[in-house]
């Protein structure tokens, strides 16, 4: 999706650093952080990392438009999620 090398040598969406932890632990961390932050953050991550670029667009500006956000609003959400994910990892 974003042209980043993904697990297995395929090109696709790149997950935030710290998510690709062996086993289910990374998934559980992401879900715990999303529960704390709320549905808007889930919608944002889905648009950036999961949904087709045909639907949302390829650039962050196009994705922000798709979500009805400003570019700075989108980058703030992504930064805040990554910060919370790092904090959650430090608590383990």
PDB file of N, CA and C in Angstrom:
ATOM      1  N   UNK A   1       0.820  -1.187   0.000  1.00  0.00           N
ATOM      2  CA  UNK A   1       0.000   0.000   0.000  1.00  0.00           C
ATOM      3  C   UNK A   1       0.865   1.252   0.000  1.00  0.00           C
ATOM      4  N   UNK A   2       1.812   1.337   0.917  1.00  0.00           N
ATOM      5  CA  UNK A   2       2.687   2.504   0.947  1.00  0.00           C
ATOM      6  C   UNK A   2       4.037   2.223   0.306  1.00  0.00           C
ATOM      7  N   UNK A   3       4.206   1.004  -0.242  1.00  0.00           N
ATOM      8  CA  UNK A   3       5.456   0.667  -0.882  1.00  0.00           C
ATOM      9  C   UNK A   3       6.556   0.272   0.076  1.00  0.00           C
ATOM     10  N   UNK A   4       6.255   0.011   1.317  1.00  0.00           N
ATOM     11  CA  UNK A   4       7.252  -0.417   2.281  1.00  0.00           C
ATOM     12  C   UNK A   4       7.357  -1.934   2.245  1.00  0.00           C
ATOM     13  N   UNK A   5       8.559  -2.443   2.426  1.00  0.00           N
ATOM     14  CA  UNK A   5       8.736  -3.881   2.449  1.00  0.00           C
ATOM     15  C   UNK A   5       8.093  -4.445   3.702  1.00  0.00           C
ATOM     16  N   UNK A   6       7.164  -5.359   3.511  1.00  0.00           N
ATOM     17  CA  UNK A   6       6.436  -5.962   4.624  1.00  0.00           C
ATOM     18  C   UNK A   6       7.021  -7.338   4.922  1.00  0.00           C
ATOM     19  N   UNK A   7       6.567  -7.963   5.989  1.00  0.00           N
ATOM     20  CA  UNK A   7       7.005  -9.288   6.373  1.00  0.00           C
ATOM     21  C   UNK A   7       6.792 -10.250   5.222  1.00  0.00           C
ATOM     22  N   UNK A   8       7.769 -11.148   4.990  1.00  0.00           N
ATOM     23  CA  UNK A   8       7.651 -12.140   3.939  1.00  0.00           C
ATOM     24  C   UNK A   8       8.154 -11.665   2.596  1.00  0.00           C
ATOM     25  N   UNK A   9       8.730 -10.460   2.527  1.00  0.00           N
ATOM     26  CA  UNK A   9       9.276  -9.954   1.286  1.00  0.00           C
ATOM     27  C   UNK A   9       8.256  -9.326   0.352  1.00  0.00           C
ATOM     28  N   UNK A  10       7.024  -9.202   0.775  1.00  0.00           N
ATOM     29  CA  UNK A  10       5.989  -8.584  -0.051  1.00  0.00           C
ATOM     30  C   UNK A  10       5.957  -7.089   0.203  1.00  0.00           C
ATOM     31  N   UNK A  11       5.549  -6.347  -0.811  1.00  0.00           N
ATOM     32  CA  UNK A  11       5.379  -4.917  -0.616  1.00  0.00           C
ATOM     33  C   UNK A  11       3.949  -4.653  -0.213  1.00  0.00           C
ATOM     34  N   UNK A  12       3.770  -3.880   0.820  1.00  0.00           N
ATOM     35  CA  UNK A  12       2.428  -3.587   1.299  1.00  0.00           C
ATOM     36  C   UNK A  12       2.480  -2.546   2.379  1.00  0.00           C
ATOM     37  N   UNK A  13       1.470  -2.511   3.180  1.00  0.00           N
ATOM     38  CA  UNK A  13       1.364  -1.543   4.251  1.00  0.00           C
ATOM     39  C   UNK A  13       2.398  -1.829   5.323  1.00  0.00           C
ATOM     40  N   UNK A  14       3.016  -0.801   5.844  1.00  0.00           N
ATOM     41  CA  UNK A  14       3.988  -0.950   6.926  1.00  0.00           C
ATOM     42  C   UNK A  14       3.309  -0.641   8.246  1.00  0.00           C
ATOM     43  N   UNK A  15       3.423  -1.539   9.184  1.00  0.00           N
ATOM     44  CA  UNK A  15       2.856  -1.315  10.513  1.00  0.00           C
ATOM     45  C   UNK A  15       3.782  -0.418  11.317  1.00  0.00           C
ATOM     46  N   UNK A  16       3.253   0.286  12.300  1.00  0.00           N
ATOM     47  CA  UNK A  16       4.110   1.118  13.145  1.00  0.00           C
ATOM     48  C   UNK A  16       5.179   0.267  13.824  1.00  0.00           C
ATOM     49  N   UNK A  17       6.352   0.834  13.997  1.00  0.00           N
ATOM     50  CA  UNK A  17       7.447   0.138  14.670  1.00  0.00           C
ATOM     51  C   UNK A  17       6.986  -0.328  16.047  1.00  0.00           C
ATOM     52  N   UNK A  18       7.354  -1.551  16.412  1.00  0.00           N
ATOM     53  CA  UNK A  18       6.969  -2.088  17.705  1.00  0.00           C
ATOM     54  C   UNK A  18       5.762  -2.994  17.639  1.00  0.00           C
ATOM     55  N   UNK A  19       5.067  -2.999  16.503  1.00  0.00           N
ATOM     56  CA  UNK A  19       3.864  -3.825  16.390  1.00  0.00           C
ATOM     57  C   UNK A  19       4.224  -5.251  16.012  1.00  0.00           C
ATOM     58  N   UNK A  20       5.243  -5.426  15.205  1.00  0.00           N
ATOM     59  CA  UNK A  20       5.580  -6.750  14.698  1.00  0.00           C
ATOM     60  C   UNK A  20       6.389  -7.541  15.723  1.00  0.00           C
ATOM     61  N   UNK A  21       5.776  -7.827  16.828  1.00  0.00           N
ATOM     62  CA  UNK A  21       6.378  -8.626  17.887  1.00  0.00           C
ATOM     63  C   UNK A  21       5.935 -10.060  17.657  1.00  0.00           C
ATOM     64  N   UNK A  22       6.838 -11.041  17.796  1.00  0.00           N
ATOM     65  CA  UNK A  22       6.443 -12.423  17.548  1.00  0.00           C
ATOM     66  C   UNK A  22       5.215 -12.827  18.368  1.00  0.00           C
ATOM     67  N   UNK A  23       4.352 -13.595  17.721  1.00  0.00           N
ATOM     68  CA  UNK A  23       3.159 -14.077  18.399  1.00  0.00           C
ATOM     69  C   UNK A  23       2.058 -13.045  18.448  1.00  0.00           C
ATOM     70  N   UNK A  24       1.190 -13.219  19.381  1.00  0.00           N
ATOM     71  CA  UNK A  24      -0.009 -12.398  19.498  1.00  0.00           C
ATOM     72  C   UNK A  24       0.207 -11.147  20.340  1.00  0.00           C
ATOM     73  N   UNK A  25       1.340 -11.031  20.979  1.00  0.00           N
ATOM     74  CA  UNK A  25       1.590  -9.918  21.897  1.00  0.00           C
ATOM     75  C   UNK A  25       1.473  -8.547  21.228  1.00  0.00           C
ATOM     76  N   UNK A  26       1.994  -8.424  19.997  1.00  0.00           N
ATOM     77  CA  UNK A  26       1.907  -7.150  19.290  1.00  0.00           C
ATOM     78  C   UNK A  26       0.481  -6.762  18.973  1.00  0.00           C
ATOM     79  N   UNK A  27      -0.309  -7.734  18.545  1.00  0.00           N
ATOM     80  CA  UNK A  27      -1.718  -7.484  18.244  1.00  0.00           C
ATOM     81  C   UNK A  27      -2.453  -7.033  19.507  1.00  0.00           C
ATOM     82  N   UNK A  28      -2.190  -7.706  20.610  1.00  0.00           N
ATOM     83  CA  UNK A  28      -2.847  -7.364  21.878  1.00  0.00           C
ATOM     84  C   UNK A  28      -2.467  -5.955  22.317  1.00  0.00           C
ATOM     85  N   UNK A  29      -1.208  -5.588  22.132  1.00  0.00           N
ATOM     86  CA  UNK A  29      -0.774  -4.222  22.483  1.00  0.00           C
ATOM     87  C   UNK A  29      -1.522  -3.186  21.664  1.00  0.00           C
ATOM     88  N   UNK A  30      -1.627  -3.429  20.347  1.00  0.00           N
ATOM     89  CA  UNK A  30      -2.315  -2.485  19.471  1.00  0.00           C
ATOM     90  C   UNK A  30      -3.771  -2.351  19.890  1.00  0.00           C
ATOM     91  N   UNK A  31      -4.434  -3.475  20.134  1.00  0.00           N
ATOM     92  CA  UNK A  31      -5.842  -3.442  20.540  1.00  0.00           C
ATOM     93  C   UNK A  31      -6.025  -2.720  21.875  1.00  0.00           C
ATOM     94  N   UNK A  32      -5.125  -2.942  22.811  1.00  0.00           N
ATOM     95  CA  UNK A  32      -5.221  -2.279  24.128  1.00  0.00           C
ATOM     96  C   UNK A  32      -5.095  -0.763  23.958  1.00  0.00           C
ATOM     97  N   UNK A  33      -4.154  -0.322  23.138  1.00  0.00           N
ATOM     98  CA  UNK A  33      -3.963   1.113  22.909  1.00  0.00           C
ATOM     99  C   UNK A  33      -5.171   1.700  22.174  1.00  0.00           C
ATOM    100  N   UNK A  34      -5.687   0.982  21.173  1.00  0.00           N
ATOM    101  CA  UNK A  34      -6.850   1.491  20.438  1.00  0.00           C
ATOM    102  C   UNK A  34      -8.077   1.596  21.327  1.00  0.00           C
ATOM    103  N   UNK A  35      -8.259   0.651  22.232  1.00  0.00           N
ATOM    104  CA  UNK A  35      -9.389   0.731  23.168  1.00  0.00           C
ATOM    105  C   UNK A  35      -9.284   1.983  24.025  1.00  0.00           C
ATOM    106  N   UNK A  36      -8.067   2.292  24.446  1.00  0.00           N
ATOM    107  CA  UNK A  36      -7.853   3.471  25.285  1.00  0.00           C
ATOM    108  C   UNK A  36      -8.089   4.764  24.498  1.00  0.00           C
ATOM    109  N   UNK A  37      -7.661   4.793  23.235  1.00  0.00           N
ATOM    110  CA  UNK A  37      -7.723   6.021  22.446  1.00  0.00           C
ATOM    111  C   UNK A  37      -9.070   6.243  21.764  1.00  0.00           C
ATOM    112  N   UNK A  38      -9.798   5.203  21.469  1.00  0.00           N
ATOM    113  CA  UNK A  38     -11.127   5.372  20.893  1.00  0.00           C
ATOM    114  C   UNK A  38     -11.225   5.048  19.410  1.00  0.00           C
ATOM    115  N   UNK A  39     -12.463   5.080  18.900  1.00  0.00           N
ATOM    116  CA  UNK A  39     -12.749   4.617  17.537  1.00  0.00           C
ATOM    117  C   UNK A  39     -12.131   5.468  16.426  1.00  0.00           C
ATOM    118  N   UNK A  40     -11.884   6.740  16.670  1.00  0.00           N
ATOM    119  CA  UNK A  40     -11.297   7.575  15.623  1.00  0.00           C
ATOM    120  C   UNK A  40      -9.880   7.116  15.288  1.00  0.00           C
ATOM    121  N   UNK A  41      -9.177   6.620  16.279  1.00  0.00           N
ATOM    122  CA  UNK A  41      -7.816   6.135  16.042  1.00  0.00           C
ATOM    123  C   UNK A  41      -7.841   4.824  15.249  1.00  0.00           C
ATOM    124  N   UNK A  42      -8.805   3.953  15.545  1.00  0.00           N
ATOM    125  CA  UNK A  42      -8.944   2.711  14.774  1.00  0.00           C
ATOM    126  C   UNK A  42      -9.239   3.055  13.310  1.00  0.00           C
ATOM    127  N   UNK A  43     -10.147   3.985  13.088  1.00  0.00           N
ATOM    128  CA  UNK A  43     -10.498   4.411  11.738  1.00  0.00           C
ATOM    129  C   UNK A  43      -9.261   4.957  11.010  1.00  0.00           C
ATOM    130  N   UNK A  44      -8.456   5.725  11.720  1.00  0.00           N
ATOM    131  CA  UNK A  44      -7.249   6.301  11.132  1.00  0.00           C
ATOM    132  C   UNK A  44      -6.257   5.208  10.740  1.00  0.00           C
ATOM    133  N   UNK A  45      -5.990   4.283  11.662  1.00  0.00           N
ATOM    134  CA  UNK A  45      -5.033   3.210  11.359  1.00  0.00           C
ATOM    135  C   UNK A  45      -5.529   2.313  10.234  1.00  0.00           C
ATOM    136  N   UNK A  46      -6.818   2.041  10.199  1.00  0.00           N
ATOM    137  CA  UNK A  46      -7.367   1.242   9.104  1.00  0.00           C
ATOM    138  C   UNK A  46      -7.164   1.943   7.770  1.00  0.00           C
ATOM    139  N   UNK A  47      -7.397   3.246   7.728  1.00  0.00           N
ATOM    140  CA  UNK A  47      -7.244   3.993   6.476  1.00  0.00           C
ATOM    141  C   UNK A  47      -5.788   4.028   6.022  1.00  0.00           C
ATOM    142  N   UNK A  48      -4.867   4.123   6.960  1.00  0.00           N
ATOM    143  CA  UNK A  48      -3.453   4.229   6.612  1.00  0.00           C
ATOM    144  C   UNK A  48      -2.833   2.858   6.331  1.00  0.00           C
ATOM    145  N   UNK A  49      -3.182   1.849   7.121  1.00  0.00           N
ATOM    146  CA  UNK A  49      -2.472   0.578   7.054  1.00  0.00           C
ATOM    147  C   UNK A  49      -3.251  -0.606   6.500  1.00  0.00           C
ATOM    148  N   UNK A  50      -4.577  -0.502   6.404  1.00  0.00           N
ATOM    149  CA  UNK A  50      -5.360  -1.676   6.023  1.00  0.00           C
ATOM    150  C   UNK A  50      -6.129  -1.480   4.721  1.00  0.00           C
ATOM    151  N   UNK A  51      -6.846  -0.406   4.604  1.00  0.00           N
ATOM    152  CA  UNK A  51      -7.725  -0.207   3.439  1.00  0.00           C
ATOM    153  C   UNK A  51      -6.920  -0.019   2.161  1.00  0.00           C
ATOM    154  N   UNK A  52      -7.564  -0.340   1.069  1.00  0.00           N
ATOM    155  CA  UNK A  52      -6.961  -0.226  -0.254  1.00  0.00           C
ATOM    156  C   UNK A  52      -6.635   1.232  -0.580  1.00  0.00           C
ATOM    157  N   UNK A  53      -5.499   1.448  -1.220  1.00  0.00           N
ATOM    158  CA  UNK A  53      -5.132   2.815  -1.613  1.00  0.00           C
ATOM    159  C   UNK A  53      -6.079   3.341  -2.688  1.00  0.00           C
ATOM    160  N   UNK A  54      -6.764   2.450  -3.396  1.00  0.00           N
ATOM    161  CA  UNK A  54      -7.765   2.882  -4.371  1.00  0.00           C
ATOM    162  C   UNK A  54      -8.898   3.607  -3.652  1.00  0.00           C
ATOM    163  N   UNK A  55      -9.237   3.128  -2.447  1.00  0.00           N
ATOM    164  CA  UNK A  55     -10.323   3.725  -1.668  1.00  0.00           C
ATOM    165  C   UNK A  55      -9.881   5.009  -0.963  1.00  0.00           C
ATOM    166  N   UNK A  56      -8.702   4.984  -0.357  1.00  0.00           N
ATOM    167  CA  UNK A  56      -8.272   6.099   0.490  1.00  0.00           C
ATOM    168  C   UNK A  56      -7.290   7.047  -0.168  1.00  0.00           C
ATOM    169  N   UNK A  57      -6.584   6.605  -1.175  1.00  0.00           N
ATOM    170  CA  UNK A  57      -5.508   7.386  -1.771  1.00  0.00           C
ATOM    171  C   UNK A  57      -4.166   6.923  -1.245  1.00  0.00           C
ATOM    172  N   UNK A  58      -3.098   7.310  -1.910  1.00  0.00           N
ATOM    173  CA  UNK A  58      -1.765   6.832  -1.540  1.00  0.00           C
ATOM    174  C   UNK A  58      -1.022   7.765  -0.585  1.00  0.00           C
ATOM    175  N   UNK A  59      -1.233   9.064  -0.726  1.00  0.00           N
ATOM    176  CA  UNK A  59      -0.486  10.012   0.094  1.00  0.00           C
ATOM    177  C   UNK A  59      -1.227  10.287   1.404  1.00  0.00           C
ATOM    178  N   UNK A  60      -0.482  10.767   2.384  1.00  0.00           N
ATOM    179  CA  UNK A  60      -1.111  11.114   3.662  1.00  0.00           C
ATOM    180  C   UNK A  60      -2.158  12.220   3.474  1.00  0.00           C
ATOM    181  N   UNK A  61      -1.904  13.130   2.564  1.00  0.00           N
ATOM    182  CA  UNK A  61      -2.883  14.197   2.301  1.00  0.00           C
ATOM    183  C   UNK A  61      -4.177  13.601   1.760  1.00  0.00           C
ATOM    184  N   UNK A  62      -4.087  12.641   0.840  1.00  0.00           N
ATOM    185  CA  UNK A  62      -5.289  11.999   0.295  1.00  0.00           C
ATOM    186  C   UNK A  62      -6.032  11.217   1.381  1.00  0.00           C
ATOM    187  N   UNK A  63      -5.279  10.548   2.246  1.00  0.00           N
ATOM    188  CA  UNK A  63      -5.895   9.797   3.338  1.00  0.00           C
ATOM    189  C   UNK A  63      -6.575  10.748   4.317  1.00  0.00           C
ATOM    190  N   UNK A  64      -5.921  11.872   4.606  1.00  0.00           N
ATOM    191  CA  UNK A  64      -6.528  12.881   5.488  1.00  0.00           C
ATOM    192  C   UNK A  64      -7.837  13.385   4.893  1.00  0.00           C
ATOM    193  N   UNK A  65      -7.844  13.649   3.586  1.00  0.00           N
ATOM    194  CA  UNK A  65      -9.078  14.085   2.913  1.00  0.00           C
ATOM    195  C   UNK A  65     -10.160  13.016   3.029  1.00  0.00           C
ATOM    196  N   UNK A  66      -9.791  11.763   2.835  1.00  0.00           N
ATOM    197  CA  UNK A  66     -10.738  10.649   2.934  1.00  0.00           C
ATOM    198  C   UNK A  66     -11.373  10.598   4.325  1.00  0.00           C
ATOM    199  N   UNK A  67     -10.566  10.870   5.362  1.00  0.00           N
ATOM    200  CA  UNK A  67     -11.052  10.828   6.742  1.00  0.00           C
ATOM    201  C   UNK A  67     -11.717  12.131   7.173  1.00  0.00           C
ATOM    202  N   UNK A  68     -11.627  13.170   6.342  1.00  0.00           N
ATOM    203  CA  UNK A  68     -12.200  14.462   6.706  1.00  0.00           C
ATOM    204  C   UNK A  68     -11.340  15.211   7.710  1.00  0.00           C
ATOM    205  N   UNK A  69     -10.030  14.969   7.655  1.00  0.00           N
ATOM    206  CA  UNK A  69      -9.085  15.605   8.567  1.00  0.00           C
ATOM    207  C   UNK A  69      -8.151  16.525   7.803  1.00  0.00           C
ATOM    208  N   UNK A  70      -7.497  17.403   8.530  1.00  0.00           N
ATOM    209  CA  UNK A  70      -6.382  18.137   7.950  1.00  0.00           C
ATOM    210  C   UNK A  70      -5.174  17.207   7.966  1.00  0.00           C
ATOM    211  N   UNK A  71      -4.165  17.527   7.186  1.00  0.00           N
ATOM    212  CA  UNK A  71      -2.947  16.721   7.180  1.00  0.00           C
ATOM    213  C   UNK A  71      -2.304  16.713   8.564  1.00  0.00           C
ATOM    214  N   UNK A  72      -2.299  17.863   9.231  1.00  0.00           N
ATOM    215  CA  UNK A  72      -1.709  17.914  10.573  1.00  0.00           C
ATOM    216  C   UNK A  72      -2.532  17.103  11.568  1.00  0.00           C
ATOM    217  N   UNK A  73      -3.865  17.075  11.391  1.00  0.00           N
ATOM    218  CA  UNK A  73      -4.718  16.262  12.259  1.00  0.00           C
ATOM    219  C   UNK A  73      -4.413  14.774  12.107  1.00  0.00           C
ATOM    220  N   UNK A  74      -4.198  14.339  10.869  1.00  0.00           N
ATOM    221  CA  UNK A  74      -3.857  12.937  10.614  1.00  0.00           C
ATOM    222  C   UNK A  74      -2.499  12.592  11.221  1.00  0.00           C
ATOM    223  N   UNK A  75      -1.502  13.428  10.979  1.00  0.00           N
ATOM    224  CA  UNK A  75      -0.175  13.124  11.512  1.00  0.00           C
ATOM    225  C   UNK A  75      -0.161  13.185  13.039  1.00  0.00           C
ATOM    226  N   UNK A  76      -0.969  14.054  13.629  1.00  0.00           N
ATOM    227  CA  UNK A  76      -1.078  14.106  15.089  1.00  0.00           C
ATOM    228  C   UNK A  76      -1.652  12.804  15.635  1.00  0.00           C
ATOM    229  N   UNK A  77      -2.705  12.300  14.989  1.00  0.00           N
ATOM    230  CA  UNK A  77      -3.288  11.023  15.435  1.00  0.00           C
ATOM    231  C   UNK A  77      -2.268   9.882  15.328  1.00  0.00           C
ATOM    232  N   UNK A  78      -1.559   9.832  14.211  1.00  0.00           N
ATOM    233  CA  UNK A  78      -0.569   8.761  14.034  1.00  0.00           C
ATOM    234  C   UNK A  78       0.543   8.867  15.066  1.00  0.00           C
ATOM    235  N   UNK A  79       1.011  10.074  15.314  1.00  0.00           N
ATOM    236  CA  UNK A  79       2.073  10.284  16.312  1.00  0.00           C
ATOM    237  C   UNK A  79       1.593   9.926  17.707  1.00  0.00           C
ATOM    238  N   UNK A  80       0.391  10.332  18.039  1.00  0.00           N
ATOM    239  CA  UNK A  80      -0.165  10.032  19.361  1.00  0.00           C
ATOM    240  C   UNK A  80      -0.327   8.518  19.551  1.00  0.00           C
ATOM    241  N   UNK A  81      -0.806   7.828  18.509  1.00  0.00           N
ATOM    242  CA  UNK A  81      -0.936   6.374  18.604  1.00  0.00           C
ATOM    243  C   UNK A  81       0.428   5.731  18.841  1.00  0.00           C
ATOM    244  N   UNK A  82       1.438   6.137  18.073  1.00  0.00           N
ATOM    245  CA  UNK A  82       2.782   5.556  18.220  1.00  0.00           C
ATOM    246  C   UNK A  82       3.342   5.835  19.605  1.00  0.00           C
ATOM    247  N   UNK A  83       3.097   7.037  20.128  1.00  0.00           N
ATOM    248  CA  UNK A  83       3.555   7.393  21.472  1.00  0.00           C
ATOM    249  C   UNK A  83       2.894   6.489  22.519  1.00  0.00           C
ATOM    250  N   UNK A  84       1.593   6.292  22.403  1.00  0.00           N
ATOM    251  CA  UNK A  84       0.877   5.427  23.344  1.00  0.00           C
ATOM    252  C   UNK A  84       1.334   3.974  23.210  1.00  0.00           C
ATOM    253  N   UNK A  85       1.636   3.553  21.990  1.00  0.00           N
ATOM    254  CA  UNK A  85       2.115   2.184  21.759  1.00  0.00           C
ATOM    255  C   UNK A  85       3.476   1.988  22.414  1.00  0.00           C
ATOM    256  N   UNK A  86       4.353   2.987  22.288  1.00  0.00           N
ATOM    257  CA  UNK A  86       5.676   2.912  22.947  1.00  0.00           C
ATOM    258  C   UNK A  86       5.520   2.871  24.465  1.00  0.00           C
ATOM    259  N   UNK A  87       4.644   3.721  24.996  1.00  0.00           N
ATOM    260  CA  UNK A  87       4.404   3.753  26.444  1.00  0.00           C
ATOM    261  C   UNK A  87       3.851   2.421  26.936  1.00  0.00           C
ATOM    262  N   UNK A  88       2.956   1.819  26.161  1.00  0.00           N
ATOM    263  CA  UNK A  88       2.383   0.528  26.527  1.00  0.00           C
ATOM    264  C   UNK A  88       3.471  -0.545  26.542  1.00  0.00           C
ATOM    265  N   UNK A  89       4.382  -0.501  25.595  1.00  0.00           N
ATOM    266  CA  UNK A  89       5.477  -1.467  25.538  1.00  0.00           C
ATOM    267  C   UNK A  89       6.440  -1.326  26.704  1.00  0.00           C
ATOM    268  N   UNK A  90       6.619  -0.089  27.162  1.00  0.00           N
ATOM    269  CA  UNK A  90       7.512   0.155  28.304  1.00  0.00           C
ATOM    270  C   UNK A  90       6.919  -0.396  29.596  1.00  0.00           C
ATOM    271  N   UNK A  91       5.588  -0.529  29.648  1.00  0.00           N
ATOM    272  CA  UNK A  91       4.922  -1.031  30.859  1.00  0.00           C
ATOM    273  C   UNK A  91       5.013  -2.549  30.976  1.00  0.00           C
ATOM    274  N   UNK A  92       5.372  -3.248  29.862  1.00  0.00           N
ATOM    275  CA  UNK A  92       5.416  -4.716  29.903  1.00  0.00           C
ATOM    276  C   UNK A  92       6.569  -5.227  30.735  1.00  0.00           C
TER     277      UNK A  92
END
